[in-house]
Amino acid sequence: MNVGVEIGGRKLFDYLSLELSARREGRARRTQRRRQDTLLRIILGEQEPTWGEVKLGVRTVINYVDQNREVLRDEESVMEAISGKSDWVVLGDHKLHVRSY
């Protein structure tokens, strides 16, 4: 990945290059919230960068947990919010019981 993003005439990042090797994880800290949200949307394909491109490996699986709670419904339990009506959640190639997730 080698990208740049400009919003409203302001550069959020420029010439950002990021490479994660197999079985690695990336975590964004809470600092610079707008930048990390934008970067995550670009990686997930929800937003286009101003320039550059993101290349994901053919077997790349991105597991993302939305911590903004925008999609939670008051009438659902935590387990229902995580897995719907299923007892299982799928993370990549793994199937986990919702209680162990």
PDB file of N, CA and C in Angstrom:
ATOM      1  N   MET A   1       0.855  -1.165   0.000  1.00  0.00           N
ATOM      2  CA  MET A   1       0.000   0.000   0.000  1.00  0.00           C
ATOM      3  C   MET A   1       0.901   1.227   0.000  1.00  0.00           C
ATOM      4  N   ASN A   2       0.591   2.142  -0.848  1.00  0.00           N
ATOM      5  CA  ASN A   2       1.283   3.421  -0.896  1.00  0.00           C
ATOM      6  C   ASN A   2       0.227   4.445  -1.282  1.00  0.00           C
ATOM      7  N   VAL A   3      -0.257   5.219  -0.321  1.00  0.00           N
ATOM      8  CA  VAL A   3      -1.391   6.098  -0.563  1.00  0.00           C
ATOM      9  C   VAL A   3      -1.196   7.470   0.068  1.00  0.00           C
ATOM     10  N   GLY A   4      -2.017   8.377  -0.394  1.00  0.00           N
ATOM     11  CA  GLY A   4      -2.119   9.704   0.186  1.00  0.00           C
ATOM     12  C   GLY A   4      -3.579  10.096   0.252  1.00  0.00           C
ATOM     13  N   VAL A   5      -3.940  10.868   1.263  1.00  0.00           N
ATOM     14  CA  VAL A   5      -5.330  11.306   1.416  1.00  0.00           C
ATOM     15  C   VAL A   5      -5.345  12.786   1.780  1.00  0.00           C
ATOM     16  N   GLU A   6      -6.191  13.486   1.058  1.00  0.00           N
ATOM     17  CA  GLU A   6      -6.414  14.905   1.329  1.00  0.00           C
ATOM     18  C   GLU A   6      -7.913  15.122   1.449  1.00  0.00           C
ATOM     19  N   ILE A   7      -8.329  15.775   2.502  1.00  0.00           N
ATOM     20  CA  ILE A   7      -9.746  16.069   2.718  1.00  0.00           C
ATOM     21  C   ILE A   7      -9.891  17.557   3.003  1.00  0.00           C
ATOM     22  N   GLY A   8     -10.703  18.202   2.200  1.00  0.00           N
ATOM     23  CA  GLY A   8     -10.941  19.626   2.393  1.00  0.00           C
ATOM     24  C   GLY A   8      -9.685  20.469   2.282  1.00  0.00           C
ATOM     25  N   GLY A   9      -8.776  20.068   1.392  1.00  0.00           N
ATOM     26  CA  GLY A   9      -7.541  20.820   1.204  1.00  0.00           C
ATOM     27  C   GLY A   9      -6.474  20.550   2.249  1.00  0.00           C
ATOM     28  N   ARG A  10      -6.742  19.635   3.163  1.00  0.00           N
ATOM     29  CA  ARG A  10      -5.791  19.311   4.234  1.00  0.00           C
ATOM     30  C   ARG A  10      -5.289  17.882   4.049  1.00  0.00           C
ATOM     31  N   LYS A  11      -3.977  17.709   4.045  1.00  0.00           N
ATOM     32  CA  LYS A  11      -3.405  16.372   3.907  1.00  0.00           C
ATOM     33  C   LYS A  11      -3.492  15.637   5.236  1.00  0.00           C
ATOM     34  N   LEU A  12      -4.133  14.461   5.196  1.00  0.00           N
ATOM     35  CA  LEU A  12      -4.148  13.618   6.386  1.00  0.00           C
ATOM     36  C   LEU A  12      -2.886  12.768   6.438  1.00  0.00           C
ATOM     37  N   PHE A  13      -2.490  12.237   5.287  1.00  0.00           N
ATOM     38  CA  PHE A  13      -1.205  11.569   5.165  1.00  0.00           C
ATOM     39  C   PHE A  13      -0.800  11.569   3.700  1.00  0.00           C
ATOM     40  N   ASP A  14       0.509  11.452   3.469  1.00  0.00           N
ATOM     41  CA  ASP A  14       1.055  11.517   2.137  1.00  0.00           C
ATOM     42  C   ASP A  14       2.191  10.504   2.036  1.00  0.00           C
ATOM     43  N   TYR A  15       2.206   9.733   0.962  1.00  0.00           N
ATOM     44  CA  TYR A  15       3.212   8.694   0.751  1.00  0.00           C
ATOM     45  C   TYR A  15       3.246   7.706   1.911  1.00  0.00           C
ATOM     46  N   LEU A  16       2.080   7.313   2.378  1.00  0.00           N
ATOM     47  CA  LEU A  16       1.996   6.328   3.451  1.00  0.00           C
ATOM     48  C   LEU A  16       2.198   4.946   2.860  1.00  0.00           C
ATOM     49  N   SER A  17       3.197   4.258   3.351  1.00  0.00           N
ATOM     50  CA  SER A  17       3.490   2.917   2.876  1.00  0.00           C
ATOM     51  C   SER A  17       3.401   1.978   4.079  1.00  0.00           C
ATOM     52  N   LEU A  18       2.645   0.912   3.919  1.00  0.00           N
ATOM     53  CA  LEU A  18       2.432  -0.030   5.014  1.00  0.00           C
ATOM     54  C   LEU A  18       2.442  -1.436   4.453  1.00  0.00           C
ATOM     55  N   GLU A  19       3.202  -2.296   5.079  1.00  0.00           N
ATOM     56  CA  GLU A  19       3.250  -3.694   4.656  1.00  0.00           C
ATOM     57  C   GLU A  19       3.231  -4.569   5.897  1.00  0.00           C
ATOM     58  N   LEU A  20       2.287  -5.505   5.926  1.00  0.00           N
ATOM     59  CA  LEU A  20       2.209  -6.469   7.015  1.00  0.00           C
ATOM     60  C   LEU A  20       2.492  -7.842   6.440  1.00  0.00           C
ATOM     61  N   SER A  21       3.369  -8.572   7.076  1.00  0.00           N
ATOM     62  CA  SER A  21       3.672  -9.921   6.598  1.00  0.00           C
ATOM     63  C   SER A  21       2.666 -10.914   7.174  1.00  0.00           C
ATOM     64  N   ALA A  22       2.754 -12.149   6.723  1.00  0.00           N
ATOM     65  CA  ALA A  22       1.797 -13.189   7.122  1.00  0.00           C
ATOM     66  C   ALA A  22       1.698 -13.314   8.637  1.00  0.00           C
ATOM     67  N   ARG A  23       0.470 -13.557   9.087  1.00  0.00           N
ATOM     68  CA  ARG A  23       0.159 -13.778  10.498  1.00  0.00           C
ATOM     69  C   ARG A  23       0.500 -12.593  11.392  1.00  0.00           C
ATOM     70  N   ARG A  24       0.490 -11.414  10.821  1.00  0.00           N
ATOM     71  CA  ARG A  24       0.754 -10.204  11.595  1.00  0.00           C
ATOM     72  C   ARG A  24      -0.546  -9.461  11.781  1.00  0.00           C
ATOM     73  N   GLU A  25      -0.589  -8.664  12.793  1.00  0.00           N
ATOM     74  CA  GLU A  25      -1.774  -7.850  13.009  1.00  0.00           C
ATOM     75  C   GLU A  25      -1.355  -6.405  13.187  1.00  0.00           C
ATOM     76  N   GLY A  26      -2.236  -5.536  12.783  1.00  0.00           N
ATOM     77  CA  GLY A  26      -1.999  -4.114  12.961  1.00  0.00           C
ATOM     78  C   GLY A  26      -3.057  -3.547  13.886  1.00  0.00           C
ATOM     79  N   ARG A  27      -2.630  -2.671  14.747  1.00  0.00           N
ATOM     80  CA  ARG A  27      -3.575  -2.028  15.660  1.00  0.00           C
ATOM     81  C   ARG A  27      -3.382  -0.526  15.579  1.00  0.00           C
ATOM     82  N   ALA A  28      -4.479   0.159  15.512  1.00  0.00           N
ATOM     83  CA  ALA A  28      -4.425   1.623  15.482  1.00  0.00           C
ATOM     84  C   ALA A  28      -4.704   2.146  16.882  1.00  0.00           C
ATOM     85  N   ARG A  29      -3.873   3.054  17.309  1.00  0.00           N
ATOM     86  CA  ARG A  29      -4.089   3.664  18.623  1.00  0.00           C
ATOM     87  C   ARG A  29      -5.116   4.767  18.506  1.00  0.00           C
ATOM     88  N   ARG A  30      -5.611   5.238  19.625  1.00  0.00           N
ATOM     89  CA  ARG A  30      -6.673   6.237  19.620  1.00  0.00           C
ATOM     90  C   ARG A  30      -6.198   7.636  19.263  1.00  0.00           C
ATOM     91  N   THR A  31      -4.899   7.848  19.135  1.00  0.00           N
ATOM     92  CA  THR A  31      -4.427   9.168  18.728  1.00  0.00           C
ATOM     93  C   THR A  31      -4.710   9.368  17.250  1.00  0.00           C
ATOM     94  N   GLN A  32      -4.875  10.597  16.857  1.00  0.00           N
ATOM     95  CA  GLN A  32      -5.131  10.965  15.469  1.00  0.00           C
ATOM     96  C   GLN A  32      -6.288  10.159  14.890  1.00  0.00           C
ATOM     97  N   ARG A  33      -7.416  10.216  15.566  1.00  0.00           N
ATOM     98  CA  ARG A  33      -8.587   9.402  15.251  1.00  0.00           C
ATOM     99  C   ARG A  33      -9.045   9.540  13.797  1.00  0.00           C
ATOM    100  N   ARG A  34      -9.072  10.745  13.275  1.00  0.00           N
ATOM    101  CA  ARG A  34      -9.557  10.937  11.906  1.00  0.00           C
ATOM    102  C   ARG A  34      -8.660  10.224  10.901  1.00  0.00           C
ATOM    103  N   ARG A  35      -7.356  10.267  11.136  1.00  0.00           N
ATOM    104  CA  ARG A  35      -6.424   9.598  10.229  1.00  0.00           C
ATOM    105  C   ARG A  35      -6.602   8.093  10.266  1.00  0.00           C
ATOM    106  N   GLN A  36      -6.705   7.529  11.460  1.00  0.00           N
ATOM    107  CA  GLN A  36      -6.841   6.069  11.530  1.00  0.00           C
ATOM    108  C   GLN A  36      -8.181   5.611  10.974  1.00  0.00           C
ATOM    109  N   ASP A  37      -9.254   6.354  11.194  1.00  0.00           N
ATOM    110  CA  ASP A  37     -10.551   5.986  10.616  1.00  0.00           C
ATOM    111  C   ASP A  37     -10.500   6.013   9.093  1.00  0.00           C
ATOM    112  N   THR A  38      -9.872   7.051   8.549  1.00  0.00           N
ATOM    113  CA  THR A  38      -9.752   7.167   7.097  1.00  0.00           C
ATOM    114  C   THR A  38      -8.901   6.040   6.538  1.00  0.00           C
ATOM    115  N   LEU A  39      -7.775   5.759   7.168  1.00  0.00           N
ATOM    116  CA  LEU A  39      -6.906   4.669   6.711  1.00  0.00           C
ATOM    117  C   LEU A  39      -7.645   3.334   6.753  1.00  0.00           C
ATOM    118  N   LEU A  40      -8.385   3.077   7.799  1.00  0.00           N
ATOM    119  CA  LEU A  40      -9.122   1.825   7.909  1.00  0.00           C
ATOM    120  C   LEU A  40     -10.194   1.717   6.826  1.00  0.00           C
ATOM    121  N   ARG A  41     -10.911   2.813   6.549  1.00  0.00           N
ATOM    122  CA  ARG A  41     -11.913   2.791   5.479  1.00  0.00           C
ATOM    123  C   ARG A  41     -11.273   2.520   4.122  1.00  0.00           C
ATOM    124  N   ILE A  42     -10.069   3.041   3.902  1.00  0.00           N
ATOM    125  CA  ILE A  42      -9.366   2.795   2.640  1.00  0.00           C
ATOM    126  C   ILE A  42      -8.970   1.328   2.540  1.00  0.00           C
ATOM    127  N   ILE A  43      -8.419   0.758   3.598  1.00  0.00           N
ATOM    128  CA  ILE A  43      -8.021  -0.648   3.591  1.00  0.00           C
ATOM    129  C   ILE A  43      -9.228  -1.552   3.372  1.00  0.00           C
ATOM    130  N   LEU A  44     -10.358  -1.214   3.976  1.00  0.00           N
ATOM    131  CA  LEU A  44     -11.577  -2.013   3.833  1.00  0.00           C
ATOM    132  C   LEU A  44     -12.276  -1.787   2.494  1.00  0.00           C
ATOM    133  N   GLY A  45     -11.818  -0.807   1.705  1.00  0.00           N
ATOM    134  CA  GLY A  45     -12.417  -0.529   0.405  1.00  0.00           C
ATOM    135  C   GLY A  45     -13.655   0.344   0.486  1.00  0.00           C
ATOM    136  N   GLU A  46     -13.888   0.975   1.623  1.00  0.00           N
ATOM    137  CA  GLU A  46     -15.059   1.839   1.799  1.00  0.00           C
ATOM    138  C   GLU A  46     -14.799   3.271   1.332  1.00  0.00           C
ATOM    139  N   GLN A  47     -13.535   3.627   1.138  1.00  0.00           N
ATOM    140  CA  GLN A  47     -13.174   4.971   0.701  1.00  0.00           C
ATOM    141  C   GLN A  47     -11.971   4.867  -0.222  1.00  0.00           C
ATOM    142  N   GLU A  48     -11.937   5.699  -1.243  1.00  0.00           N
ATOM    143  CA  GLU A  48     -10.814   5.734  -2.167  1.00  0.00           C
ATOM    144  C   GLU A  48      -9.774   6.732  -1.649  1.00  0.00           C
ATOM    145  N   PRO A  49      -8.492   6.403  -1.783  1.00  0.00           N
ATOM    146  CA  PRO A  49      -7.464   7.392  -1.423  1.00  0.00           C
ATOM    147  C   PRO A  49      -7.435   8.507  -2.459  1.00  0.00           C
ATOM    148  N   THR A  50      -6.889   9.652  -2.100  1.00  0.00           N
ATOM    149  CA  THR A  50      -6.727  10.745  -3.053  1.00  0.00           C
ATOM    150  C   THR A  50      -5.799  10.304  -4.175  1.00  0.00           C
ATOM    151  N   TRP A  51      -4.751   9.596  -3.836  1.00  0.00           N
ATOM    152  CA  TRP A  51      -3.861   8.999  -4.830  1.00  0.00           C
ATOM    153  C   TRP A  51      -3.296   7.708  -4.263  1.00  0.00           C
ATOM    154  N   GLY A  52      -2.806   6.868  -5.163  1.00  0.00           N
ATOM    155  CA  GLY A  52      -2.189   5.610  -4.755  1.00  0.00           C
ATOM    156  C   GLY A  52      -3.197   4.470  -4.752  1.00  0.00           C
ATOM    157  N   GLU A  53      -2.743   3.315  -4.272  1.00  0.00           N
ATOM    158  CA  GLU A  53      -3.605   2.145  -4.259  1.00  0.00           C
ATOM    159  C   GLU A  53      -3.259   1.228  -3.099  1.00  0.00           C
ATOM    160  N   VAL A  54      -4.224   0.401  -2.757  1.00  0.00           N
ATOM    161  CA  VAL A  54      -4.053  -0.607  -1.727  1.00  0.00           C
ATOM    162  C   VAL A  54      -4.059  -1.961  -2.418  1.00  0.00           C
ATOM    163  N   LYS A  55      -3.059  -2.770  -2.143  1.00  0.00           N
ATOM    164  CA  LYS A  55      -2.999  -4.123  -2.679  1.00  0.00           C
ATOM    165  C   LYS A  55      -3.066  -5.090  -1.512  1.00  0.00           C
ATOM    166  N   LEU A  56      -4.091  -5.933  -1.516  1.00  0.00           N
ATOM    167  CA  LEU A  56      -4.228  -6.957  -0.494  1.00  0.00           C
ATOM    168  C   LEU A  56      -3.868  -8.305  -1.096  1.00  0.00           C
ATOM    169  N   GLY A  57      -3.236  -9.148  -0.316  1.00  0.00           N
ATOM    170  CA  GLY A  57      -2.916 -10.493  -0.779  1.00  0.00           C
ATOM    171  C   GLY A  57      -4.181 -11.272  -1.090  1.00  0.00           C
ATOM    172  N   VAL A  58      -4.069 -12.261  -1.957  1.00  0.00           N
ATOM    173  CA  VAL A  58      -5.248 -13.015  -2.380  1.00  0.00           C
ATOM    174  C   VAL A  58      -5.877 -13.777  -1.212  1.00  0.00           C
ATOM    175  N   ARG A  59      -5.103 -14.100  -0.194  1.00  0.00           N
ATOM    176  CA  ARG A  59      -5.645 -14.823   0.960  1.00  0.00           C
ATOM    177  C   ARG A  59      -5.764 -13.931   2.194  1.00  0.00           C
ATOM    178  N   THR A  60      -5.670 -12.634   1.995  1.00  0.00           N
ATOM    179  CA  THR A  60      -5.759 -11.702   3.115  1.00  0.00           C
ATOM    180  C   THR A  60      -7.180 -11.646   3.641  1.00  0.00           C
ATOM    181  N   VAL A  61      -7.309 -11.772   4.948  1.00  0.00           N
ATOM    182  CA  VAL A  61      -8.598 -11.650   5.612  1.00  0.00           C
ATOM    183  C   VAL A  61      -8.461 -10.545   6.650  1.00  0.00           C
ATOM    184  N   ILE A  62      -9.353  -9.585   6.582  1.00  0.00           N
ATOM    185  CA  ILE A  62      -9.319  -8.491   7.540  1.00  0.00           C
ATOM    186  C   ILE A  62     -10.458  -8.692   8.528  1.00  0.00           C
ATOM    187  N   ASN A  63     -10.107  -8.776   9.785  1.00  0.00           N
ATOM    188  CA  ASN A  63     -11.096  -8.855  10.855  1.00  0.00           C
ATOM    189  C   ASN A  63     -11.126  -7.504  11.548  1.00  0.00           C
ATOM    190  N   TYR A  64     -12.278  -6.890  11.528  1.00  0.00           N
ATOM    191  CA  TYR A  64     -12.424  -5.535  12.052  1.00  0.00           C
ATOM    192  C   TYR A  64     -13.580  -5.504  13.025  1.00  0.00           C
ATOM    193  N   VAL A  65     -13.344  -4.932  14.183  1.00  0.00           N
ATOM    194  CA  VAL A  65     -14.400  -4.788  15.187  1.00  0.00           C
ATOM    195  C   VAL A  65     -14.727  -3.308  15.303  1.00  0.00           C
ATOM    196  N   ASP A  66     -15.942  -2.948  14.925  1.00  0.00           N
ATOM    197  CA  ASP A  66     -16.392  -1.556  15.006  1.00  0.00           C
ATOM    198  C   ASP A  66     -16.604  -1.176  16.459  1.00  0.00           C
ATOM    199  N   GLN A  67     -15.796  -0.267  16.947  1.00  0.00           N
ATOM    200  CA  GLN A  67     -15.903   0.134  18.337  1.00  0.00           C
ATOM    201  C   GLN A  67     -16.739   1.393  18.518  1.00  0.00           C
ATOM    202  N   ASN A  68     -17.317   1.883  17.436  1.00  0.00           N
ATOM    203  CA  ASN A  68     -18.164   3.070  17.533  1.00  0.00           C
ATOM    204  C   ASN A  68     -19.575   2.734  17.986  1.00  0.00           C
ATOM    205  N   ARG A  69     -19.944   1.466  17.926  1.00  0.00           N
ATOM    206  CA  ARG A  69     -21.240   0.975  18.365  1.00  0.00           C
ATOM    207  C   ARG A  69     -22.408   1.597  17.599  1.00  0.00           C
ATOM    208  N   GLU A  70     -22.150   2.003  16.369  1.00  0.00           N
ATOM    209  CA  GLU A  70     -23.187   2.640  15.563  1.00  0.00           C
ATOM    210  C   GLU A  70     -24.251   1.659  15.089  1.00  0.00           C
ATOM    211  N   VAL A  71     -23.900   0.380  15.025  1.00  0.00           N
ATOM    212  CA  VAL A  71     -24.839  -0.600  14.496  1.00  0.00           C
ATOM    213  C   VAL A  71     -25.507  -1.424  15.597  1.00  0.00           C
ATOM    214  N   LEU A  72     -25.240  -1.122  16.848  1.00  0.00           N
ATOM    215  CA  LEU A  72     -25.861  -1.869  17.943  1.00  0.00           C
ATOM    216  C   LEU A  72     -27.310  -1.445  18.133  1.00  0.00           C
ATOM    217  N   ARG A  73     -28.141  -2.421  18.460  1.00  0.00           N
ATOM    218  CA  ARG A  73     -29.556  -2.147  18.742  1.00  0.00           C
ATOM    219  C   ARG A  73     -29.821  -2.417  20.219  1.00  0.00           C
ATOM    220  N   ASP A  74     -30.564  -1.539  20.842  1.00  0.00           N
ATOM    221  CA  ASP A  74     -30.836  -1.652  22.277  1.00  0.00           C
ATOM    222  C   ASP A  74     -31.552  -2.937  22.651  1.00  0.00           C
ATOM    223  N   GLU A  75     -32.353  -3.473  21.743  1.00  0.00           N
ATOM    224  CA  GLU A  75     -33.146  -4.660  22.068  1.00  0.00           C
ATOM    225  C   GLU A  75     -32.344  -5.964  21.969  1.00  0.00           C
ATOM    226  N   GLU A  76     -31.110  -5.912  21.465  1.00  0.00           N
ATOM    227  CA  GLU A  76     -30.291  -7.114  21.327  1.00  0.00           C
ATOM    228  C   GLU A  76     -29.352  -7.301  22.512  1.00  0.00           C
ATOM    229  N   SER A  77     -29.094  -8.574  22.834  1.00  0.00           N
ATOM    230  CA  SER A  77     -28.065  -8.879  23.822  1.00  0.00           C
ATOM    231  C   SER A  77     -26.700  -8.724  23.150  1.00  0.00           C
ATOM    232  N   VAL A  78     -25.642  -8.762  23.932  1.00  0.00           N
ATOM    233  CA  VAL A  78     -24.299  -8.672  23.368  1.00  0.00           C
ATOM    234  C   VAL A  78     -24.038  -9.830  22.415  1.00  0.00           C
ATOM    235  N   MET A  79     -24.437 -11.033  22.810  1.00  0.00           N
ATOM    236  CA  MET A  79     -24.219 -12.202  21.954  1.00  0.00           C
ATOM    237  C   MET A  79     -24.986 -12.088  20.642  1.00  0.00           C
ATOM    238  N   GLU A  80     -26.210 -11.576  20.669  1.00  0.00           N
ATOM    239  CA  GLU A  80     -26.976 -11.392  19.435  1.00  0.00           C
ATOM    240  C   GLU A  80     -26.312 -10.345  18.536  1.00  0.00           C
ATOM    241  N   ALA A  81     -25.764  -9.309  19.146  1.00  0.00           N
ATOM    242  CA  ALA A  81     -25.095  -8.270  18.366  1.00  0.00           C
ATOM    243  C   ALA A  81     -23.853  -8.820  17.665  1.00  0.00           C
ATOM    244  N   ILE A  82     -23.172  -9.746  18.314  1.00  0.00           N
ATOM    245  CA  ILE A  82     -21.955 -10.323  17.747  1.00  0.00           C
ATOM    246  C   ILE A  82     -22.258 -11.339  16.654  1.00  0.00           C
ATOM    247  N   SER A  83     -23.239 -12.217  16.913  1.00  0.00           N
ATOM    248  CA  SER A  83     -23.419 -13.354  16.003  1.00  0.00           C
ATOM    249  C   SER A  83     -24.797 -13.461  15.378  1.00  0.00           C
ATOM    250  N   GLY A  84     -25.687 -12.523  15.645  1.00  0.00           N
ATOM    251  CA  GLY A  84     -27.050 -12.641  15.138  1.00  0.00           C
ATOM    252  C   GLY A  84     -27.748 -13.773  15.872  1.00  0.00           C
ATOM    253  N   LYS A  85     -28.385 -14.641  15.159  1.00  0.00           N
ATOM    254  CA  LYS A  85     -29.089 -15.772  15.766  1.00  0.00           C
ATOM    255  C   LYS A  85     -28.228 -17.028  15.823  1.00  0.00           C
ATOM    256  N   SER A  86     -26.991 -16.946  15.378  1.00  0.00           N
ATOM    257  CA  SER A  86     -26.107 -18.104  15.329  1.00  0.00           C
ATOM    258  C   SER A  86     -25.345 -18.268  16.640  1.00  0.00           C
ATOM    259  N   ASP A  87     -24.909 -19.479  16.908  1.00  0.00           N
ATOM    260  CA  ASP A  87     -24.047 -19.744  18.059  1.00  0.00           C
ATOM    261  C   ASP A  87     -22.575 -19.629  17.681  1.00  0.00           C
ATOM    262  N   TRP A  88     -22.291 -19.308  16.424  1.00  0.00           N
ATOM    263  CA  TRP A  88     -20.926 -19.316  15.920  1.00  0.00           C
ATOM    264  C   TRP A  88     -20.573 -18.004  15.241  1.00  0.00           C
ATOM    265  N   VAL A  89     -19.294 -17.634  15.325  1.00  0.00           N
ATOM    266  CA  VAL A  89     -18.741 -16.519  14.554  1.00  0.00           C
ATOM    267  C   VAL A  89     -17.585 -17.073  13.739  1.00  0.00           C
ATOM    268  N   VAL A  90     -17.352 -16.493  12.580  1.00  0.00           N
ATOM    269  CA  VAL A  90     -16.276 -16.946  11.712  1.00  0.00           C
ATOM    270  C   VAL A  90     -15.230 -15.843  11.636  1.00  0.00           C
ATOM    271  N   LEU A  91     -13.996 -16.204  11.942  1.00  0.00           N
ATOM    272  CA  LEU A  91     -12.857 -15.300  11.849  1.00  0.00           C
ATOM    273  C   LEU A  91     -11.840 -15.937  10.912  1.00  0.00           C
ATOM    274  N   GLY A  92     -11.783 -15.435   9.697  1.00  0.00           N
ATOM    275  CA  GLY A  92     -10.885 -16.037   8.712  1.00  0.00           C
ATOM    276  C   GLY A  92     -11.320 -17.460   8.418  1.00  0.00           C
ATOM    277  N   ASP A  93     -10.437 -18.403   8.658  1.00  0.00           N
ATOM    278  CA  ASP A  93     -10.729 -19.818   8.430  1.00  0.00           C
ATOM    279  C   ASP A  93     -11.242 -20.514   9.678  1.00  0.00           C
ATOM    280  N   HIS A  94     -11.390 -19.776  10.752  1.00  0.00           N
ATOM    281  CA  HIS A  94     -11.750 -20.378  12.035  1.00  0.00           C
ATOM    282  C   HIS A  94     -13.202 -20.109  12.397  1.00  0.00           C
ATOM    283  N   LYS A  95     -13.834 -21.108  12.948  1.00  0.00           N
ATOM    284  CA  LYS A  95     -15.197 -20.994  13.439  1.00  0.00           C
ATOM    285  C   LYS A  95     -15.138 -21.104  14.964  1.00  0.00           C
ATOM    286  N   LEU A  96     -15.625 -20.082  15.645  1.00  0.00           N
ATOM    287  CA  LEU A  96     -15.571 -20.035  17.107  1.00  0.00           C
ATOM    288  C   LEU A  96     -16.974 -19.958  17.685  1.00  0.00           C
ATOM    289  N   HIS A  97     -17.178 -20.627  18.794  1.00  0.00           N
ATOM    290  CA  HIS A  97     -18.448 -20.473  19.491  1.00  0.00           C
ATOM    291  C   HIS A  97     -18.538 -19.054  20.018  1.00  0.00           C
ATOM    292  N   VAL A  98     -19.703 -18.470  19.939  1.00  0.00           N
ATOM    293  CA  VAL A  98     -19.874 -17.075  20.298  1.00  0.00           C
ATOM    294  C   VAL A  98     -19.433 -16.776  21.733  1.00  0.00           C
ATOM    295  N   ARG A  99     -19.590 -17.722  22.633  1.00  0.00           N
ATOM    296  CA  ARG A  99     -19.168 -17.488  24.021  1.00  0.00           C
ATOM    297  C   ARG A  99     -17.659 -17.450  24.180  1.00  0.00           C
ATOM    298  N   SER A 100     -16.921 -18.102  23.285  1.00  0.00           N
ATOM    299  CA  SER A 100     -15.452 -18.057  23.369  1.00  0.00           C
ATOM    300  C   SER A 100     -14.886 -16.869  22.606  1.00  0.00           C
ATOM    301  N   TYR A 101     -15.713 -16.244  21.794  1.00  0.00           N
ATOM    302  CA  TYR A 101     -15.272 -15.080  21.027  1.00  0.00           C
ATOM    303  C   TYR A 101     -15.147 -13.898  21.954  1.00  0.00           C
TER     304      TYR A 101
END
